[in-house]
Amino acid sequence: MNLQDDLQVRWWNLEAKMTERFGKKPDLETILFLIGIQEFGDIKEKFTKEQKQDLMHIAVCSLLAQSGYYEMDRVDEDGWPHFAQLKALPELNPKEQEDFIKDHVLLYFDKVGF
């Protein structure tokens, strides 16, 4: 089994756990949204479209902070975290970018014990 196969198997296992938990198979954007809410820490009944995009950005920055690409810079007066980029992201094609994010998502859920 190569690394790509291992990533796919681990991803399918995460999807299965989330499907069991939420009753619906989530896509990557939904998972990023959930991580964003977790990292933001304020669960609201409704988020605007812009807030949903901001939550996904928080998720990506939080995920990539695990590998030293970002660090939390500050939290604004409304409680939204802001990140500083510490190093350039690798140049990847779209499939490699997706796998890069998926790998960081899996690391995140391993760390939180899901």
PDB file of N, CA and C in Angstrom:
ATOM      1  N   MET A   1       0.860  -1.187   0.000  1.00  0.00           N
ATOM      2  CA  MET A   1       0.000   0.000   0.000  1.00  0.00           C
ATOM      3  C   MET A   1       0.900   1.241   0.000  1.00  0.00           C
ATOM      4  N   ASN A   2       0.640   2.167  -0.909  1.00  0.00           N
ATOM      5  CA  ASN A   2       1.448   3.380  -0.927  1.00  0.00           C
ATOM      6  C   ASN A   2       0.813   4.448  -0.048  1.00  0.00           C
ATOM      7  N   LEU A   3       1.520   5.562   0.117  1.00  0.00           N
ATOM      8  CA  LEU A   3       1.041   6.631   0.991  1.00  0.00           C
ATOM      9  C   LEU A   3      -0.304   7.185   0.544  1.00  0.00           C
ATOM     10  N   GLN A   4      -0.519   7.280  -0.762  1.00  0.00           N
ATOM     11  CA  GLN A   4      -1.782   7.787  -1.292  1.00  0.00           C
ATOM     12  C   GLN A   4      -2.938   6.886  -0.875  1.00  0.00           C
ATOM     13  N   ASP A   5      -2.726   5.572  -0.975  1.00  0.00           N
ATOM     14  CA  ASP A   5      -3.759   4.622  -0.563  1.00  0.00           C
ATOM     15  C   ASP A   5      -4.036   4.748   0.926  1.00  0.00           C
ATOM     16  N   ASP A   6      -2.978   4.897   1.728  1.00  0.00           N
ATOM     17  CA  ASP A   6      -3.130   5.041   3.172  1.00  0.00           C
ATOM     18  C   ASP A   6      -3.939   6.292   3.507  1.00  0.00           C
ATOM     19  N   LEU A   7      -3.650   7.396   2.843  1.00  0.00           N
ATOM     20  CA  LEU A   7      -4.407   8.632   3.059  1.00  0.00           C
ATOM     21  C   LEU A   7      -5.871   8.399   2.733  1.00  0.00           C
ATOM     22  N   GLN A   8      -6.154   7.743   1.620  1.00  0.00           N
ATOM     23  CA  GLN A   8      -7.536   7.514   1.214  1.00  0.00           C
ATOM     24  C   GLN A   8      -8.276   6.636   2.219  1.00  0.00           C
ATOM     25  N   VAL A   9      -7.621   5.597   2.699  1.00  0.00           N
ATOM     26  CA  VAL A   9      -8.250   4.703   3.677  1.00  0.00           C
ATOM     27  C   VAL A   9      -8.528   5.460   4.974  1.00  0.00           C
ATOM     28  N   ARG A  10      -7.563   6.235   5.432  1.00  0.00           N
ATOM     29  CA  ARG A  10      -7.769   7.024   6.662  1.00  0.00           C
ATOM     30  C   ARG A  10      -8.884   8.042   6.460  1.00  0.00           C
ATOM     31  N   TRP A  11      -8.981   8.637   5.263  1.00  0.00           N
ATOM     32  CA  TRP A  11     -10.034   9.608   4.974  1.00  0.00           C
ATOM     33  C   TRP A  11     -11.405   8.935   4.989  1.00  0.00           C
ATOM     34  N   TRP A  12     -11.486   7.762   4.364  1.00  0.00           N
ATOM     35  CA  TRP A  12     -12.761   7.028   4.360  1.00  0.00           C
ATOM     36  C   TRP A  12     -13.182   6.677   5.786  1.00  0.00           C
ATOM     37  N   ASN A  13     -12.222   6.313   6.622  1.00  0.00           N
ATOM     38  CA  ASN A  13     -12.542   6.001   8.020  1.00  0.00           C
ATOM     39  C   ASN A  13     -13.085   7.224   8.749  1.00  0.00           C
ATOM     40  N   LEU A  14     -12.485   8.385   8.506  1.00  0.00           N
ATOM     41  CA  LEU A  14     -12.992   9.621   9.108  1.00  0.00           C
ATOM     42  C   LEU A  14     -14.395   9.925   8.607  1.00  0.00           C
ATOM     43  N   GLU A  15     -14.611   9.802   7.300  1.00  0.00           N
ATOM     44  CA  GLU A  15     -15.949  10.038   6.739  1.00  0.00           C
ATOM     45  C   GLU A  15     -16.981   9.105   7.368  1.00  0.00           C
ATOM     46  N   ALA A  16     -16.604   7.855   7.571  1.00  0.00           N
ATOM     47  CA  ALA A  16     -17.532   6.886   8.174  1.00  0.00           C
ATOM     48  C   ALA A  16     -17.877   7.291   9.602  1.00  0.00           C
ATOM     49  N   LYS A  17     -16.880   7.716  10.367  1.00  0.00           N
ATOM     50  CA  LYS A  17     -17.135   8.165  11.739  1.00  0.00           C
ATOM     51  C   LYS A  17     -18.052   9.386  11.754  1.00  0.00           C
ATOM     52  N   MET A  18     -17.802  10.313  10.845  1.00  0.00           N
ATOM     53  CA  MET A  18     -18.612  11.532  10.817  1.00  0.00           C
ATOM     54  C   MET A  18     -20.032  11.232  10.323  1.00  0.00           C
ATOM     55  N   THR A  19     -20.151  10.306   9.385  1.00  0.00           N
ATOM     56  CA  THR A  19     -21.476   9.902   8.911  1.00  0.00           C
ATOM     57  C   THR A  19     -22.267   9.280  10.058  1.00  0.00           C
ATOM     58  N   GLU A  20     -21.599   8.448  10.839  1.00  0.00           N
ATOM     59  CA  GLU A  20     -22.248   7.821  11.990  1.00  0.00           C
ATOM     60  C   GLU A  20     -22.662   8.883  13.015  1.00  0.00           C
ATOM     61  N   ARG A  21     -21.819   9.848  13.223  1.00  0.00           N
ATOM     62  CA  ARG A  21     -22.084  10.893  14.227  1.00  0.00           C
ATOM     63  C   ARG A  21     -23.172  11.865  13.784  1.00  0.00           C
ATOM     64  N   PHE A  22     -23.142  12.280  12.506  1.00  0.00           N
ATOM     65  CA  PHE A  22     -24.046  13.323  12.034  1.00  0.00           C
ATOM     66  C   PHE A  22     -25.180  12.814  11.133  1.00  0.00           C
ATOM     67  N   GLY A  23     -25.121  11.556  10.753  1.00  0.00           N
ATOM     68  CA  GLY A  23     -26.179  10.984   9.933  1.00  0.00           C
ATOM     69  C   GLY A  23     -26.105  11.336   8.464  1.00  0.00           C
ATOM     70  N   LYS A  24     -24.997  11.937   8.051  1.00  0.00           N
ATOM     71  CA  LYS A  24     -24.835  12.349   6.658  1.00  0.00           C
ATOM     72  C   LYS A  24     -23.343  12.416   6.354  1.00  0.00           C
ATOM     73  N   LYS A  25     -22.963  11.945   5.166  1.00  0.00           N
ATOM     74  CA  LYS A  25     -21.545  11.971   4.791  1.00  0.00           C
ATOM     75  C   LYS A  25     -21.144  13.406   4.462  1.00  0.00           C
ATOM     76  N   PRO A  26     -20.149  13.946   5.178  1.00  0.00           N
ATOM     77  CA  PRO A  26     -19.719  15.320   4.919  1.00  0.00           C
ATOM     78  C   PRO A  26     -18.688  15.386   3.794  1.00  0.00           C
ATOM     79  N   ASP A  27     -18.692  16.508   3.075  1.00  0.00           N
ATOM     80  CA  ASP A  27     -17.615  16.734   2.109  1.00  0.00           C
ATOM     81  C   ASP A  27     -16.511  17.525   2.822  1.00  0.00           C
ATOM     82  N   LEU A  28     -15.435  17.769   2.113  1.00  0.00           N
ATOM     83  CA  LEU A  28     -14.291  18.460   2.716  1.00  0.00           C
ATOM     84  C   LEU A  28     -14.677  19.848   3.211  1.00  0.00           C
ATOM     85  N   GLU A  29     -15.487  20.574   2.440  1.00  0.00           N
ATOM     86  CA  GLU A  29     -15.895  21.920   2.862  1.00  0.00           C
ATOM     87  C   GLU A  29     -16.690  21.880   4.162  1.00  0.00           C
ATOM     88  N   THR A  30     -17.555  20.909   4.308  1.00  0.00           N
ATOM     89  CA  THR A  30     -18.332  20.769   5.538  1.00  0.00           C
ATOM     90  C   THR A  30     -17.417  20.473   6.717  1.00  0.00           C
ATOM     91  N   ILE A  31     -16.438  19.614   6.506  1.00  0.00           N
ATOM     92  CA  ILE A  31     -15.491  19.291   7.573  1.00  0.00           C
ATOM     93  C   ILE A  31     -14.697  20.532   7.959  1.00  0.00           C
ATOM     94  N   LEU A  32     -14.266  21.312   6.969  1.00  0.00           N
ATOM     95  CA  LEU A  32     -13.548  22.554   7.273  1.00  0.00           C
ATOM     96  C   LEU A  32     -14.440  23.521   8.051  1.00  0.00           C
ATOM     97  N   PHE A  33     -15.699  23.603   7.677  1.00  0.00           N
ATOM     98  CA  PHE A  33     -16.652  24.460   8.380  1.00  0.00           C
ATOM     99  C   PHE A  33     -16.778  24.026   9.849  1.00  0.00           C
ATOM    100  N   LEU A  34     -16.900  22.720  10.082  1.00  0.00           N
ATOM    101  CA  LEU A  34     -17.004  22.211  11.454  1.00  0.00           C
ATOM    102  C   LEU A  34     -15.749  22.499  12.268  1.00  0.00           C
ATOM    103  N   ILE A  35     -14.586  22.330  11.651  1.00  0.00           N
ATOM    104  CA  ILE A  35     -13.330  22.644  12.343  1.00  0.00           C
ATOM    105  C   ILE A  35     -13.274  24.135  12.649  1.00  0.00           C
ATOM    106  N   GLY A  36     -13.713  24.966  11.699  1.00  0.00           N
ATOM    107  CA  GLY A  36     -13.740  26.411  11.917  1.00  0.00           C
ATOM    108  C   GLY A  36     -14.605  26.791  13.104  1.00  0.00           C
ATOM    109  N   ILE A  37     -15.775  26.172  13.203  1.00  0.00           N
ATOM    110  CA  ILE A  37     -16.653  26.442  14.353  1.00  0.00           C
ATOM    111  C   ILE A  37     -15.964  26.005  15.649  1.00  0.00           C
ATOM    112  N   GLN A  38     -15.354  24.837  15.625  1.00  0.00           N
ATOM    113  CA  GLN A  38     -14.647  24.333  16.810  1.00  0.00           C
ATOM    114  C   GLN A  38     -13.546  25.299  17.229  1.00  0.00           C
ATOM    115  N   GLU A  39     -12.765  25.778  16.273  1.00  0.00           N
ATOM    116  CA  GLU A  39     -11.649  26.672  16.588  1.00  0.00           C
ATOM    117  C   GLU A  39     -12.142  28.069  16.991  1.00  0.00           C
ATOM    118  N   PHE A  40     -13.229  28.516  16.385  1.00  0.00           N
ATOM    119  CA  PHE A  40     -13.816  29.819  16.730  1.00  0.00           C
ATOM    120  C   PHE A  40     -14.398  29.772  18.129  1.00  0.00           C
ATOM    121  N   GLY A  41     -15.048  28.659  18.441  1.00  0.00           N
ATOM    122  CA  GLY A  41     -15.538  28.441  19.787  1.00  0.00           C
ATOM    123  C   GLY A  41     -16.891  29.048  20.108  1.00  0.00           C
ATOM    124  N   ASP A  42     -17.548  29.648  19.133  1.00  0.00           N
ATOM    125  CA  ASP A  42     -18.845  30.265  19.380  1.00  0.00           C
ATOM    126  C   ASP A  42     -19.847  29.666  18.402  1.00  0.00           C
ATOM    127  N   ILE A  43     -20.651  28.760  18.906  1.00  0.00           N
ATOM    128  CA  ILE A  43     -21.633  28.101  18.041  1.00  0.00           C
ATOM    129  C   ILE A  43     -22.886  28.954  18.003  1.00  0.00           C
ATOM    130  N   LYS A  44     -23.215  29.407  16.809  1.00  0.00           N
ATOM    131  CA  LYS A  44     -24.418  30.215  16.608  1.00  0.00           C
ATOM    132  C   LYS A  44     -25.415  29.396  15.807  1.00  0.00           C
ATOM    133  N   GLU A  45     -26.674  29.795  15.904  1.00  0.00           N
ATOM    134  CA  GLU A  45     -27.695  29.100  15.135  1.00  0.00           C
ATOM    135  C   GLU A  45     -27.546  29.382  13.646  1.00  0.00           C
ATOM    136  N   LYS A  46     -27.157  30.585  13.305  1.00  0.00           N
ATOM    137  CA  LYS A  46     -27.006  30.992  11.900  1.00  0.00           C
ATOM    138  C   LYS A  46     -25.696  31.757  11.732  1.00  0.00           C
ATOM    139  N   PHE A  47     -25.016  31.473  10.630  1.00  0.00           N
ATOM    140  CA  PHE A  47     -23.840  32.231  10.217  1.00  0.00           C
ATOM    141  C   PHE A  47     -24.138  32.809   8.843  1.00  0.00           C
ATOM    142  N   THR A  48     -23.656  34.023   8.598  1.00  0.00           N
ATOM    143  CA  THR A  48     -23.805  34.606   7.271  1.00  0.00           C
ATOM    144  C   THR A  48     -22.866  33.865   6.313  1.00  0.00           C
ATOM    145  N   LYS A  49     -23.068  34.079   5.021  1.00  0.00           N
ATOM    146  CA  LYS A  49     -22.203  33.461   4.014  1.00  0.00           C
ATOM    147  C   LYS A  49     -20.750  33.890   4.252  1.00  0.00           C
ATOM    148  N   GLU A  50     -20.543  35.169   4.550  1.00  0.00           N
ATOM    149  CA  GLU A  50     -19.187  35.670   4.806  1.00  0.00           C
ATOM    150  C   GLU A  50     -18.597  35.021   6.055  1.00  0.00           C
ATOM    151  N   GLN A  51     -19.393  34.857   7.098  1.00  0.00           N
ATOM    152  CA  GLN A  51     -18.904  34.216   8.317  1.00  0.00           C
ATOM    153  C   GLN A  51     -18.551  32.753   8.057  1.00  0.00           C
ATOM    154  N   LYS A  52     -19.336  32.080   7.221  1.00  0.00           N
ATOM    155  CA  LYS A  52     -19.024  30.692   6.875  1.00  0.00           C
ATOM    156  C   LYS A  52     -17.676  30.610   6.158  1.00  0.00           C
ATOM    157  N   GLN A  53     -17.426  31.545   5.249  1.00  0.00           N
ATOM    158  CA  GLN A  53     -16.129  31.589   4.560  1.00  0.00           C
ATOM    159  C   GLN A  53     -15.006  31.879   5.560  1.00  0.00           C
ATOM    160  N   ASP A  54     -15.262  32.789   6.490  1.00  0.00           N
ATOM    161  CA  ASP A  54     -14.267  33.109   7.521  1.00  0.00           C
ATOM    162  C   ASP A  54     -13.973  31.889   8.393  1.00  0.00           C
ATOM    163  N   LEU A  55     -15.001  31.125   8.734  1.00  0.00           N
ATOM    164  CA  LEU A  55     -14.815  29.923   9.545  1.00  0.00           C
ATOM    165  C   LEU A  55     -13.970  28.887   8.808  1.00  0.00           C
ATOM    166  N   MET A  56     -14.188  28.758   7.510  1.00  0.00           N
ATOM    167  CA  MET A  56     -13.380  27.818   6.731  1.00  0.00           C
ATOM    168  C   MET A  56     -11.926  28.304   6.651  1.00  0.00           C
ATOM    169  N   HIS A  57     -11.732  29.612   6.575  1.00  0.00           N
ATOM    170  CA  HIS A  57     -10.379  30.177   6.573  1.00  0.00           C
ATOM    171  C   HIS A  57      -9.694  29.905   7.916  1.00  0.00           C
ATOM    172  N   ILE A  58     -10.438  30.077   9.005  1.00  0.00           N
ATOM    173  CA  ILE A  58      -9.904  29.773  10.343  1.00  0.00           C
ATOM    174  C   ILE A  58      -9.480  28.306  10.396  1.00  0.00           C
ATOM    175  N   ALA A  59     -10.304  27.438   9.847  1.00  0.00           N
ATOM    176  CA  ALA A  59      -9.992  26.007   9.840  1.00  0.00           C
ATOM    177  C   ALA A  59      -8.693  25.738   9.091  1.00  0.00           C
ATOM    178  N   VAL A  60      -8.577  26.276   7.893  1.00  0.00           N
ATOM    179  CA  VAL A  60      -7.377  26.027   7.092  1.00  0.00           C
ATOM    180  C   VAL A  60      -6.134  26.556   7.807  1.00  0.00           C
ATOM    181  N   CYS A  61      -6.204  27.759   8.337  1.00  0.00           N
ATOM    182  CA  CYS A  61      -5.052  28.319   9.056  1.00  0.00           C
ATOM    183  C   CYS A  61      -4.718  27.486  10.289  1.00  0.00           C
ATOM    184  N   SER A  62      -5.740  27.063  11.024  1.00  0.00           N
ATOM    185  CA  SER A  62      -5.522  26.229  12.214  1.00  0.00           C
ATOM    186  C   SER A  62      -4.895  24.895  11.836  1.00  0.00           C
ATOM    187  N   LEU A  63      -5.398  24.305  10.762  1.00  0.00           N
ATOM    188  CA  LEU A  63      -4.851  23.029  10.309  1.00  0.00           C
ATOM    189  C   LEU A  63      -3.387  23.167   9.911  1.00  0.00           C
ATOM    190  N   LEU A  64      -3.084  24.208   9.139  1.00  0.00           N
ATOM    191  CA  LEU A  64      -1.723  24.365   8.635  1.00  0.00           C
ATOM    192  C   LEU A  64      -0.771  24.906   9.702  1.00  0.00           C
ATOM    193  N   ALA A  65      -1.327  25.439  10.782  1.00  0.00           N
ATOM    194  CA  ALA A  65      -0.483  25.848  11.915  1.00  0.00           C
ATOM    195  C   ALA A  65       0.195  24.629  12.532  1.00  0.00           C
ATOM    196  N   GLN A  66      -0.426  23.468  12.400  1.00  0.00           N
ATOM    197  CA  GLN A  66       0.159  22.225  12.918  1.00  0.00           C
ATOM    198  C   GLN A  66       1.510  21.931  12.283  1.00  0.00           C
ATOM    199  N   SER A  67       1.722  22.425  11.071  1.00  0.00           N
ATOM    200  CA  SER A  67       2.977  22.194  10.347  1.00  0.00           C
ATOM    201  C   SER A  67       3.823  23.453  10.239  1.00  0.00           C
ATOM    202  N   GLY A  68       3.474  24.475  11.003  1.00  0.00           N
ATOM    203  CA  GLY A  68       4.298  25.673  11.055  1.00  0.00           C
ATOM    204  C   GLY A  68       4.092  26.671   9.935  1.00  0.00           C
ATOM    205  N   TYR A  69       3.006  26.545   9.179  1.00  0.00           N
ATOM    206  CA  TYR A  69       2.755  27.497   8.098  1.00  0.00           C
ATOM    207  C   TYR A  69       2.098  28.777   8.605  1.00  0.00           C
ATOM    208  N   TYR A  70       1.320  28.668   9.656  1.00  0.00           N
ATOM    209  CA  TYR A  70       0.622  29.809  10.240  1.00  0.00           C
ATOM    210  C   TYR A  70       0.735  29.753  11.751  1.00  0.00           C
ATOM    211  N   GLU A  71       0.522  30.908  12.374  1.00  0.00           N
ATOM    212  CA  GLU A  71       0.333  30.950  13.811  1.00  0.00           C
ATOM    213  C   GLU A  71      -0.746  31.981  14.105  1.00  0.00           C
ATOM    214  N   MET A  72      -1.461  31.764  15.199  1.00  0.00           N
ATOM    215  CA  MET A  72      -2.483  32.731  15.554  1.00  0.00           C
ATOM    216  C   MET A  72      -1.790  34.018  15.973  1.00  0.00           C
ATOM    217  N   ASP A  73      -2.210  35.104  15.370  1.00  0.00           N
ATOM    218  CA  ASP A  73      -1.606  36.414  15.595  1.00  0.00           C
ATOM    219  C   ASP A  73      -2.345  37.169  16.702  1.00  0.00           C
ATOM    220  N   ARG A  74      -3.675  37.159  16.586  1.00  0.00           N
ATOM    221  CA  ARG A  74      -4.490  37.886  17.562  1.00  0.00           C
ATOM    222  C   ARG A  74      -5.936  37.470  17.420  1.00  0.00           C
ATOM    223  N   VAL A  75      -6.721  37.873  18.406  1.00  0.00           N
ATOM    224  CA  VAL A  75      -8.169  37.705  18.353  1.00  0.00           C
ATOM    225  C   VAL A  75      -8.755  39.106  18.380  1.00  0.00           C
ATOM    226  N   ASP A  76      -9.636  39.400  17.421  1.00  0.00           N
ATOM    227  CA  ASP A  76     -10.187  40.755  17.357  1.00  0.00           C
ATOM    228  C   ASP A  76     -11.269  40.973  18.418  1.00  0.00           C
ATOM    229  N   GLU A  77     -11.799  42.170  18.447  1.00  0.00           N
ATOM    230  CA  GLU A  77     -12.786  42.552  19.466  1.00  0.00           C
ATOM    231  C   GLU A  77     -14.082  41.742  19.374  1.00  0.00           C
ATOM    232  N   ASP A  78     -14.345  41.135  18.214  1.00  0.00           N
ATOM    233  CA  ASP A  78     -15.536  40.303  18.048  1.00  0.00           C
ATOM    234  C   ASP A  78     -15.262  38.827  18.310  1.00  0.00           C
ATOM    235  N   GLY A  79     -14.033  38.515  18.716  1.00  0.00           N
ATOM    236  CA  GLY A  79     -13.676  37.138  19.038  1.00  0.00           C
ATOM    237  C   GLY A  79     -13.156  36.306  17.879  1.00  0.00           C
ATOM    238  N   TRP A  80     -12.954  36.936  16.716  1.00  0.00           N
ATOM    239  CA  TRP A  80     -12.464  36.206  15.539  1.00  0.00           C
ATOM    240  C   TRP A  80     -10.941  36.146  15.560  1.00  0.00           C
ATOM    241  N   PRO A  81     -10.374  34.945  15.424  1.00  0.00           N
ATOM    242  CA  PRO A  81      -8.912  34.826  15.381  1.00  0.00           C
ATOM    243  C   PRO A  81      -8.359  35.282  14.030  1.00  0.00           C
ATOM    244  N   HIS A  82      -7.162  35.837  14.082  1.00  0.00           N
ATOM    245  CA  HIS A  82      -6.435  36.242  12.871  1.00  0.00           C
ATOM    246  C   HIS A  82      -5.077  35.563  12.913  1.00  0.00           C
ATOM    247  N   PHE A  83      -4.615  35.140  11.755  1.00  0.00           N
ATOM    248  CA  PHE A  83      -3.392  34.355  11.663  1.00  0.00           C
ATOM    249  C   PHE A  83      -2.325  35.085  10.865  1.00  0.00           C
ATOM    250  N   ALA A  84      -1.082  34.795  11.187  1.00  0.00           N
ATOM    251  CA  ALA A  84       0.060  35.297  10.429  1.00  0.00           C
ATOM    252  C   ALA A  84       0.695  34.103   9.717  1.00  0.00           C
ATOM    253  N   GLN A  85       1.018  34.292   8.434  1.00  0.00           N
ATOM    254  CA  GLN A  85       1.678  33.232   7.677  1.00  0.00           C
ATOM    255  C   GLN A  85       3.160  33.275   8.003  1.00  0.00           C
ATOM    256  N   LEU A  86       3.728  32.126   8.355  1.00  0.00           N
ATOM    257  CA  LEU A  86       5.124  32.040   8.765  1.00  0.00           C
ATOM    258  C   LEU A  86       6.054  31.581   7.652  1.00  0.00           C
ATOM    259  N   LYS A  87       5.519  30.775   6.741  1.00  0.00           N
ATOM    260  CA  LYS A  87       6.339  30.293   5.627  1.00  0.00           C
ATOM    261  C   LYS A  87       5.434  30.039   4.432  1.00  0.00           C
ATOM    262  N   ALA A  88       6.054  30.016   3.272  1.00  0.00           N
ATOM    263  CA  ALA A  88       5.300  29.818   2.036  1.00  0.00           C
ATOM    264  C   ALA A  88       4.737  28.408   1.980  1.00  0.00           C
ATOM    265  N   LEU A  89       3.547  28.317   1.420  1.00  0.00           N
ATOM    266  CA  LEU A  89       2.925  27.016   1.208  1.00  0.00           C
ATOM    267  C   LEU A  89       3.578  26.341   0.010  1.00  0.00           C
ATOM    268  N   PRO A  90       3.624  25.023   0.004  1.00  0.00           N
ATOM    269  CA  PRO A  90       4.212  24.332  -1.150  1.00  0.00           C
ATOM    270  C   PRO A  90       3.368  24.534  -2.404  1.00  0.00           C
ATOM    271  N   GLU A  91       4.022  24.542  -3.543  1.00  0.00           N
ATOM    272  CA  GLU A  91       3.303  24.651  -4.806  1.00  0.00           C
ATOM    273  C   GLU A  91       2.794  23.270  -5.181  1.00  0.00           C
ATOM    274  N   LEU A  92       1.469  23.152  -5.214  1.00  0.00           N
ATOM    275  CA  LEU A  92       0.842  21.860  -5.456  1.00  0.00           C
ATOM    276  C   LEU A  92      -0.256  22.008  -6.497  1.00  0.00           C
ATOM    277  N   ASN A  93      -0.498  20.943  -7.225  1.00  0.00           N
ATOM    278  CA  ASN A  93      -1.630  20.961  -8.143  1.00  0.00           C
ATOM    279  C   ASN A  93      -2.912  20.776  -7.319  1.00  0.00           C
ATOM    280  N   PRO A  94      -4.087  20.963  -7.912  1.00  0.00           N
ATOM    281  CA  PRO A  94      -5.330  20.886  -7.122  1.00  0.00           C
ATOM    282  C   PRO A  94      -5.515  19.565  -6.350  1.00  0.00           C
ATOM    283  N   LYS A  95      -5.192  18.433  -6.953  1.00  0.00           N
ATOM    284  CA  LYS A  95      -5.326  17.146  -6.252  1.00  0.00           C
ATOM    285  C   LYS A  95      -4.360  17.073  -5.077  1.00  0.00           C
ATOM    286  N   GLU A  96      -3.132  17.532  -5.285  1.00  0.00           N
ATOM    287  CA  GLU A  96      -2.143  17.528  -4.199  1.00  0.00           C
ATOM    288  C   GLU A  96      -2.561  18.479  -3.074  1.00  0.00           C
ATOM    289  N   GLN A  97      -3.162  19.631  -3.440  1.00  0.00           N
ATOM    290  CA  GLN A  97      -3.655  20.572  -2.426  1.00  0.00           C
ATOM    291  C   GLN A  97      -4.729  19.916  -1.566  1.00  0.00           C
ATOM    292  N   GLU A  98      -5.660  19.223  -2.221  1.00  0.00           N
ATOM    293  CA  GLU A  98      -6.730  18.546  -1.486  1.00  0.00           C
ATOM    294  C   GLU A  98      -6.153  17.490  -0.544  1.00  0.00           C
ATOM    295  N   ASP A  99      -5.212  16.700  -1.035  1.00  0.00           N
ATOM    296  CA  ASP A  99      -4.587  15.672  -0.196  1.00  0.00           C
ATOM    297  C   ASP A  99      -3.803  16.297   0.961  1.00  0.00           C
ATOM    298  N   PHE A 100      -3.150  17.423   0.697  1.00  0.00           N
ATOM    299  CA  PHE A 100      -2.394  18.143   1.717  1.00  0.00           C
ATOM    300  C   PHE A 100      -3.334  18.576   2.844  1.00  0.00           C
ATOM    301  N   ILE A 101      -4.474  19.136   2.481  1.00  0.00           N
ATOM    302  CA  ILE A 101      -5.462  19.568   3.476  1.00  0.00           C
ATOM    303  C   ILE A 101      -6.056  18.347   4.186  1.00  0.00           C
ATOM    304  N   LYS A 102      -6.408  17.318   3.438  1.00  0.00           N
ATOM    305  CA  LYS A 102      -6.978  16.112   4.052  1.00  0.00           C
ATOM    306  C   LYS A 102      -6.021  15.522   5.074  1.00  0.00           C
ATOM    307  N   ASP A 103      -4.744  15.484   4.755  1.00  0.00           N
ATOM    308  CA  ASP A 103      -3.747  14.949   5.687  1.00  0.00           C
ATOM    309  C   ASP A 103      -3.729  15.772   6.974  1.00  0.00           C
ATOM    310  N   HIS A 104      -3.833  17.087   6.844  1.00  0.00           N
ATOM    311  CA  HIS A 104      -3.861  17.951   8.026  1.00  0.00           C
ATOM    312  C   HIS A 104      -5.172  17.801   8.809  1.00  0.00           C
ATOM    313  N   VAL A 105      -6.279  17.575   8.104  1.00  0.00           N
ATOM    314  CA  VAL A 105      -7.557  17.315   8.777  1.00  0.00           C
ATOM    315  C   VAL A 105      -7.437  16.038   9.612  1.00  0.00           C
ATOM    316  N   LEU A 106      -6.868  14.998   9.027  1.00  0.00           N
ATOM    317  CA  LEU A 106      -6.703  13.733   9.747  1.00  0.00           C
ATOM    318  C   LEU A 106      -5.814  13.906  10.974  1.00  0.00           C
ATOM    319  N   LEU A 107      -4.741  14.664  10.843  1.00  0.00           N
ATOM    320  CA  LEU A 107      -3.865  14.951  11.977  1.00  0.00           C
ATOM    321  C   LEU A 107      -4.633  15.691  13.069  1.00  0.00           C
ATOM    322  N   TYR A 108      -5.440  16.660  12.675  1.00  0.00           N
ATOM    323  CA  TYR A 108      -6.244  17.433  13.620  1.00  0.00           C
ATOM    324  C   TYR A 108      -7.176  16.512  14.414  1.00  0.00           C
ATOM    325  N   PHE A 109      -7.899  15.654  13.709  1.00  0.00           N
ATOM    326  CA  PHE A 109      -8.839  14.764  14.402  1.00  0.00           C
ATOM    327  C   PHE A 109      -8.121  13.727  15.241  1.00  0.00           C
ATOM    328  N   ASP A 110      -6.917  13.301  14.854  1.00  0.00           N
ATOM    329  CA  ASP A 110      -6.119  12.419  15.706  1.00  0.00           C
ATOM    330  C   ASP A 110      -5.765  13.126  17.011  1.00  0.00           C
ATOM    331  N   LYS A 111      -5.369  14.390  16.891  1.00  0.00           N
ATOM    332  CA  LYS A 111      -4.963  15.157  18.083  1.00  0.00           C
ATOM    333  C   LYS A 111      -6.120  15.395  19.047  1.00  0.00           C
ATOM    334  N   VAL A 112      -7.325  15.589  18.506  1.00  0.00           N
ATOM    335  CA  VAL A 112      -8.478  15.833  19.382  1.00  0.00           C
ATOM    336  C   VAL A 112      -9.148  14.518  19.813  1.00  0.00           C
ATOM    337  N   GLY A 113      -8.628  13.397  19.346  1.00  0.00           N
ATOM    338  CA  GLY A 113      -9.120  12.093  19.771  1.00  0.00           C
ATOM    339  C   GLY A 113     -10.444  11.664  19.175  1.00  0.00           C
ATOM    340  N   PHE A 114     -10.700  12.096  17.943  1.00  0.00           N
ATOM    341  CA  PHE A 114     -11.955  11.699  17.283  1.00  0.00           C
ATOM    342  C   PHE A 114     -11.728  10.464  16.452  1.00  0.00           C
TER     343      PHE A 114
END
